[in-house]
């Protein structure tokens, strides 16, 4: 056999960590043992998989190909193991979801709270990821379902739009921009901003917009979620950009002024992304349907 599961798992960790040493530690292997396994793997395939450099380890083109297949293969193994093990405690299904910041913190808690109450034999892993990582995860099978905001490239995937949200500016009531009816993003850049953590989809998006404009975003502080952002905004530490749905909810308990952003990109479509809807297990298809129905009901209630 060309490889075993330990080889594949070690190889994936090396690719993620860009370090043979850290991957070996994660696998509880000695460095010589890990290095030997990788050399043997390269010998079996008859090609170089890794480039060992001073700054770490890089994948060769053959290594990139192996990584894509290894991730998909290990995902199938983990699904098999998870589904077989969970029969002991009554769990019959597992769904792994990669989602953007807004979905993880604002939308999915309500959805999953209701869905899991009516599906007691299903469990869910929900992970916050950047849009490109969400799409990649669905493509390679690491995630069953992806939830993204903004324009997406389908790349052979099924993209199901389920709602529309828009980004707005939140300020303290006494802030100079509080009375503006509408404002451009550029007009906000002279003021200190409250941002989300670097791993958030929204912050990554705003950083890209600023970089493309050649300007600079004055980040006074970065926080983990929209509630913390709004609390900082309320005390006039800075201003913040967040989805309108989150802004309206927090403005009900905080002293905030909400200002419309006039940028076309401020209106964002939210979508579910899957490899193929009909290829998902029944319980996963039911979750996709429930996400869409919940969004529609929330829209009617507004």
Protein backbone atom coordinates (compact mmCIF):
# COMPACT_ATOMS: atom_id res chain seq x y z
CA UNK A 1 0.00 0.00 0.00
CA UNK A 2 1.30 3.50 -0.87
CA UNK A 3 0.32 5.05 2.47
CA UNK A 4 -1.49 4.55 5.74
CA UNK A 5 -3.76 6.92 7.68
CA UNK A 6 -0.92 8.11 9.91
CA UNK A 7 1.08 9.13 6.81
CA UNK A 8 -1.84 11.12 5.41
CA UNK A 9 -2.69 12.80 8.69
CA UNK A 10 0.96 13.75 9.23
CA UNK A 11 1.21 15.09 5.69
CA UNK A 12 -1.91 17.24 6.16
CA UNK A 13 -0.54 18.64 9.44
CA UNK A 14 2.77 19.47 7.75
CA UNK A 15 0.89 21.35 5.02
CA UNK A 16 -1.19 23.25 7.59
CA UNK A 17 1.68 24.07 9.95
CA UNK A 18 4.34 24.52 7.22
CA UNK A 19 6.61 22.82 9.71
CA UNK A 20 7.71 19.20 10.05
CA UNK A 21 8.61 19.78 13.71
CA UNK A 22 5.20 21.16 14.73
CA UNK A 23 3.39 18.49 12.73
CA UNK A 24 5.44 15.77 14.44
CA UNK A 25 4.60 17.24 17.86
CA UNK A 26 0.92 17.30 16.97
CA UNK A 27 1.10 13.63 15.95
CA UNK A 28 3.16 12.73 19.06
CA UNK A 29 5.97 11.46 16.84
CA UNK A 30 9.67 12.12 17.12
CA UNK A 31 11.11 14.41 14.45
CA UNK A 32 13.26 11.63 12.93
CA UNK A 33 10.24 9.30 12.78
CA UNK A 34 8.11 11.96 11.06
CA UNK A 35 10.89 12.79 8.61
CA UNK A 36 11.39 9.11 7.84
CA UNK A 37 7.67 8.64 7.15
CA UNK A 38 7.67 11.54 4.69
CA UNK A 39 10.78 10.26 2.90
CA UNK A 40 9.21 6.82 2.59
CA UNK A 41 5.98 8.37 1.31
CA UNK A 42 7.92 10.28 -1.36
CA UNK A 43 9.75 7.08 -2.29
CA UNK A 44 6.50 5.14 -2.66
CA UNK A 45 4.99 7.78 -4.94
CA UNK A 46 8.28 8.23 -6.75
CA UNK A 47 8.18 12.02 -6.60
CA UNK A 48 9.08 14.90 -4.31
CA UNK A 49 6.19 16.03 -2.12
CA UNK A 50 7.91 18.58 0.12
CA UNK A 51 10.53 21.28 -0.26
CA UNK A 52 12.45 21.75 2.98
CA UNK A 53 13.49 25.40 3.31
CA UNK A 54 15.02 27.55 6.04
CA UNK A 55 11.68 29.16 6.85
CA UNK A 56 9.73 25.91 6.90
CA UNK A 57 8.29 23.31 4.57
CA UNK A 58 6.55 24.02 1.27
CA UNK A 59 4.56 21.63 -0.89
CA UNK A 60 5.66 20.68 -4.37
CA UNK A 61 3.03 20.59 -7.16
CA UNK A 62 2.72 16.85 -6.54
CA UNK A 63 2.35 17.60 -2.83
CA UNK A 64 -0.49 20.04 -3.53
CA UNK A 65 -2.28 17.33 -5.49
CA UNK A 66 -1.76 14.80 -2.70
CA UNK A 67 -3.00 17.32 -0.11
CA UNK A 68 -6.29 17.86 -1.95
CA UNK A 69 -6.95 14.12 -2.16
CA UNK A 70 -5.68 13.46 1.39
CA UNK A 71 -8.01 16.06 2.91
CA UNK A 72 -11.00 14.62 1.10
CA UNK A 73 -10.01 11.06 1.99
CA UNK A 74 -9.45 11.87 5.68
CA UNK A 75 -12.74 13.75 5.80
CA UNK A 76 -14.52 10.62 4.60
CA UNK A 77 -12.64 8.55 7.19
CA UNK A 78 -13.61 10.98 9.97
CA UNK A 79 -17.23 10.93 8.85
CA UNK A 80 -17.24 7.16 8.85
CA UNK A 81 -15.62 7.01 12.29
CA UNK A 82 -17.92 9.69 13.70
CA UNK A 83 -21.08 8.09 12.38
CA UNK A 84 -20.10 4.61 13.56
CA UNK A 85 -18.99 5.75 17.01
CA UNK A 86 -22.03 7.91 17.62
CA UNK A 87 -24.41 5.01 17.15
CA UNK A 88 -23.47 4.12 20.73
CA UNK A 89 -25.12 7.28 22.06
CA UNK A 90 -27.99 7.50 19.59
CA UNK A 91 -26.45 10.03 17.16
CA UNK A 92 -27.26 9.07 13.58
CA UNK A 93 -25.79 11.99 11.66
CA UNK A 94 -23.06 14.64 11.71
CA UNK A 95 -22.99 17.93 9.77
CA UNK A 96 -19.88 20.10 9.48
CA UNK A 97 -20.54 23.74 8.58
CA UNK A 98 -18.04 26.46 7.63
CA UNK A 99 -19.62 29.91 7.96
CA UNK A 100 -18.76 33.59 7.96
CA UNK A 101 -18.73 35.79 11.07
CA UNK A 102 -22.31 37.03 10.76
CA UNK A 103 -23.73 33.55 10.39
CA UNK A 104 -21.75 32.13 13.31
CA UNK A 105 -22.59 34.94 15.74
CA UNK A 106 -25.97 36.23 14.58
CA UNK A 107 -27.96 33.83 12.43
CA UNK A 108 -26.96 30.23 13.02
CA UNK A 109 -27.45 30.11 16.83
CA UNK A 110 -31.19 30.65 16.32
CA UNK A 111 -31.34 28.22 13.40
CA UNK A 112 -29.40 25.44 15.10
CA UNK A 113 -31.16 25.89 18.44
CA UNK A 114 -34.50 25.10 16.81
CA UNK A 115 -33.25 22.55 14.28
CA UNK A 116 -31.33 20.41 16.78
CA UNK A 117 -34.29 20.41 19.17
CA UNK A 118 -36.32 18.66 16.48
CA UNK A 119 -33.41 16.48 15.29
CA UNK A 120 -32.02 14.93 18.49
CA UNK A 121 -30.00 12.30 16.60
CA UNK A 122 -27.97 14.84 14.62
CA UNK A 123 -24.92 16.78 15.81
CA UNK A 124 -23.26 19.78 14.17
CA UNK A 125 -19.75 21.26 14.03
CA UNK A 126 -19.93 24.99 13.22
CA UNK A 127 -16.65 26.76 12.39
CA UNK A 128 -15.98 30.39 11.50
CA UNK A 129 -13.91 30.70 8.31
CA UNK A 130 -13.09 33.27 5.63
CA UNK A 131 -15.16 33.13 2.43
CA UNK A 132 -12.41 31.60 0.32
CA UNK A 133 -11.76 28.96 2.98
CA UNK A 134 -15.47 28.19 3.16
CA UNK A 135 -15.64 27.64 -0.59
CA UNK A 136 -12.48 25.54 -0.55
CA UNK A 137 -13.80 23.47 2.36
CA UNK A 138 -17.01 22.64 0.53
CA UNK A 139 -15.12 21.85 -2.67
CA UNK A 140 -12.71 19.41 -1.06
CA UNK A 141 -15.34 17.85 1.20
CA UNK A 142 -13.93 19.19 4.48
CA UNK A 143 -17.29 20.91 5.07
CA UNK A 144 -20.75 19.62 4.19
CA UNK A 145 -22.34 23.08 4.10
CA UNK A 146 -20.87 26.55 3.65
CA UNK A 147 -22.53 29.87 4.52
CA UNK A 148 -21.10 32.95 2.83
CA UNK A 149 -21.93 36.61 2.29
CA UNK A 150 -21.35 38.71 -0.80
CA UNK A 151 -20.58 37.60 -4.36
CA UNK A 152 -19.19 34.09 -4.67
CA UNK A 153 -17.69 32.07 -7.48
CA UNK A 154 -19.66 28.82 -7.66
CA UNK A 155 -16.85 26.79 -9.29
CA UNK A 156 -19.18 23.86 -9.89
CA UNK A 157 -20.87 24.16 -6.49
CA UNK A 158 -24.56 24.78 -5.82
CA UNK A 159 -25.12 28.27 -4.41
CA UNK A 160 -28.50 28.87 -2.75
CA UNK A 161 -29.32 32.46 -1.83
CA UNK A 162 -31.42 32.65 1.32
CA UNK A 163 -31.43 36.32 2.40
CA UNK A 164 -30.05 39.81 1.82
CA UNK A 165 -28.43 41.98 4.46
CA UNK A 166 -26.56 45.27 4.25
CA UNK A 167 -23.62 46.76 6.06
CA UNK A 168 -24.22 49.95 8.05
CA UNK A 169 -22.12 52.32 10.12
CA UNK A 170 -22.73 52.42 13.88
CA UNK A 171 -21.67 55.47 15.90
CA UNK A 172 -22.19 56.90 19.36
CA UNK A 173 -25.10 59.34 19.57
CA UNK A 174 -22.73 62.28 20.06
CA UNK A 175 -20.37 61.34 17.21
CA UNK A 176 -20.03 63.86 14.31
CA UNK A 177 -21.32 61.27 11.81
CA UNK A 178 -24.37 60.32 13.88
CA UNK A 179 -26.69 62.67 12.03
CA UNK A 180 -25.62 61.71 8.52
CA UNK A 181 -28.39 60.15 6.48
CA UNK A 182 -25.99 58.31 4.22
CA UNK A 183 -22.22 58.21 3.95
CA UNK A 184 -19.46 56.67 1.86
CA UNK A 185 -16.92 54.34 3.37
CA UNK A 186 -14.13 56.77 2.43
CA UNK A 187 -15.76 59.48 4.57
CA UNK A 188 -15.46 57.27 7.63
CA UNK A 189 -11.72 56.68 7.31
CA UNK A 190 -10.66 59.88 9.07
CA UNK A 191 -12.22 58.50 12.27
CA UNK A 192 -11.05 55.69 14.54
CA UNK A 193 -12.75 52.35 13.81
CA UNK A 194 -13.66 49.42 16.00
CA UNK A 195 -12.88 46.26 14.02
CA UNK A 196 -13.41 42.54 14.36
CA UNK A 197 -10.60 40.07 14.90
CA UNK A 198 -8.34 39.32 11.94
CA UNK A 199 -9.89 35.91 11.36
CA UNK A 200 -13.34 37.35 10.64
CA UNK A 201 -14.78 37.42 7.13
CA UNK A 202 -16.09 40.98 7.52
CA UNK A 203 -12.78 42.43 8.72
CA UNK A 204 -10.94 40.66 5.92
CA UNK A 205 -13.41 42.14 3.42
CA UNK A 206 -13.06 45.70 4.78
CA UNK A 207 -9.26 45.45 4.87
CA UNK A 208 -9.31 44.46 1.21
CA UNK A 209 -11.59 47.38 0.29
CA UNK A 210 -9.25 49.82 2.06
CA UNK A 211 -6.14 48.29 0.48
CA UNK A 212 -7.65 48.52 -3.01
CA UNK A 213 -8.45 52.22 -2.44
CA UNK A 214 -4.89 52.97 -1.35
CA UNK A 215 -6.12 54.41 1.94
CA UNK A 216 -5.66 53.37 5.54
CA UNK A 217 -8.11 52.06 8.13
CA UNK A 218 -7.43 53.47 11.60
CA UNK A 219 -8.26 50.47 13.78
CA UNK A 220 -8.41 51.69 17.38
CA UNK A 221 -9.26 48.26 18.77
CA UNK A 222 -10.28 44.83 17.47
CA UNK A 223 -12.84 42.68 19.25
CA UNK A 224 -14.32 39.17 18.95
CA UNK A 225 -17.93 39.93 18.08
CA UNK A 226 -20.61 42.47 17.19
CA UNK A 227 -21.83 42.94 20.75
CA UNK A 228 -18.34 43.93 21.92
CA UNK A 229 -18.01 46.21 18.89
CA UNK A 230 -21.27 47.97 19.67
CA UNK A 231 -20.34 48.44 23.32
CA UNK A 232 -17.11 50.14 22.27
CA UNK A 233 -19.01 52.27 19.75
CA UNK A 234 -21.58 53.25 22.37
CA UNK A 235 -18.81 54.67 24.59
CA UNK A 236 -17.42 56.61 21.59
CA UNK A 237 -14.13 54.73 21.43
CA UNK A 238 -14.64 54.56 17.68
CA UNK A 239 -17.12 53.79 14.93
CA UNK A 240 -17.91 50.37 13.51
CA UNK A 241 -19.24 48.73 10.36
CA UNK A 242 -21.46 45.70 10.83
CA UNK A 243 -24.50 43.98 9.28
CA UNK A 244 -27.75 45.88 9.67
CA UNK A 245 -29.45 42.88 11.28
CA UNK A 246 -26.88 42.85 14.09
CA UNK A 247 -26.80 46.64 14.37
CA UNK A 248 -30.58 46.94 14.76
CA UNK A 249 -30.66 44.22 17.39
CA UNK A 250 -27.92 45.81 19.50
CA UNK A 251 -29.36 49.31 19.09
CA UNK A 252 -32.41 48.15 21.02
CA UNK A 253 -30.32 47.86 24.19
CA UNK A 254 -27.50 50.36 23.47
CA UNK A 255 -27.31 54.04 22.60
CA UNK A 256 -26.27 53.82 18.95
CA UNK A 257 -26.83 55.84 15.80
CA UNK A 258 -27.03 53.82 12.57
CA UNK A 259 -25.96 55.43 9.31
CA UNK A 260 -26.51 53.94 5.85
CA UNK A 261 -23.44 53.18 3.74
CA UNK A 262 -23.98 54.30 0.15
CA UNK A 263 -21.46 51.84 -1.32
CA UNK A 264 -22.89 49.20 -3.72
CA UNK A 265 -20.94 46.51 -1.87
CA UNK A 266 -22.77 47.36 1.36
CA UNK A 267 -25.71 45.22 0.15
CA UNK A 268 -24.68 41.60 0.54
CA UNK A 269 -26.39 38.39 -0.49
CA UNK A 270 -26.16 35.53 2.00
CA UNK A 271 -25.94 32.07 0.51
CA UNK A 272 -25.68 28.41 1.39
CA UNK A 273 -23.03 26.57 -0.63
CA UNK A 274 -22.93 22.79 -1.09
CA UNK A 275 -21.25 20.40 -3.51
CA UNK A 276 -24.57 18.95 -4.60
CA UNK A 277 -27.74 19.32 -2.59
CA UNK A 278 -29.15 15.97 -3.65
CA UNK A 279 -25.91 14.28 -2.63
CA UNK A 280 -26.27 15.36 1.03
CA UNK A 281 -27.82 13.07 3.63
CA UNK A 282 -31.51 13.71 4.29
CA UNK A 283 -30.88 15.45 7.63
CA UNK A 284 -28.36 17.84 6.00
CA UNK A 285 -30.84 18.70 3.23
CA UNK A 286 -33.42 19.38 5.93
CA UNK A 287 -31.02 21.81 7.61
CA UNK A 288 -30.43 23.71 4.34
CA UNK A 289 -34.19 23.95 3.85
CA UNK A 290 -34.65 25.09 7.46
CA UNK A 291 -32.02 27.84 7.03
CA UNK A 292 -33.89 29.18 4.00
CA UNK A 293 -37.32 29.00 5.68
CA UNK A 294 -36.06 30.67 8.87
CA UNK A 295 -34.56 33.54 6.87
CA UNK A 296 -37.83 33.99 4.98
CA UNK A 297 -39.85 34.05 8.21
CA UNK A 298 -37.47 36.57 9.77
CA UNK A 299 -37.84 38.78 6.69
CA UNK A 300 -41.63 38.69 6.98
CA UNK A 301 -41.40 39.61 10.67
CA UNK A 302 -39.33 42.75 10.00
